[in-house]
Amino acid sequence: MKIRWFFYLVLFKYEMKGERKMKIEINVNKDEENERIVIYAKELTKDLQQLIRQIEKMIVQTKLYGKKDDELYPLDLDNIIRFYSEDRHIYAEDEKNKYKVDKRFYELEEMLPGHFMRISQSEIINIHCIKKLKQEFNGFIKISFTNGVSTYSSRRYVKKIKEALNI
């Protein structure tokens, strides 16, 4: 049995004039041996390159482990709220625990899926775990998470945060 879907993805960006439409075609065929993604485009744009990087991250999901009480635990990235540095170490934090991670921030940025975003030199957050945002008078953004913890962005990353969250 072969099932075929067609739909249009409308991409909005506030810095662009108008909208862009991207046609998405999905073919489901149980006789197909290998899954594949094919992209047809007039040119390789920055948006398209970003889409390709996100797809690659989804496909090549590297396992990440964290240490707690001298034991290693596999980390479920969907449950990780943020990665942050404290006392020259990097930690992953979920709803209840924090785990020491033996990676550098640039390594985490390369391997984490697209719903993680750098907000300062010392922190990467999971945007799915944001409870609320507050623009502070000094230019920072206060970010509150589902676990009750709050943090602040650095001014250097405010523009990127606003663009990523469409605010």
Foldseek 3Di string as FASTA:
>chain_A
DKDKDKDWDWDDFPVDPDIDIDIDIDIDDPPDDDDDDDDDDPDCDPVNVVVVLQVVLVVPQDWFWFDDPNDIDTDDVVQFFKWFDDPNFIWTDGLPDITTGPDAPVVCVSNDHPQWAAQENTMIGRVVFWPDWDQDPVQWIWTAGPSGDIDIGDNVCSVVVCRVVVD
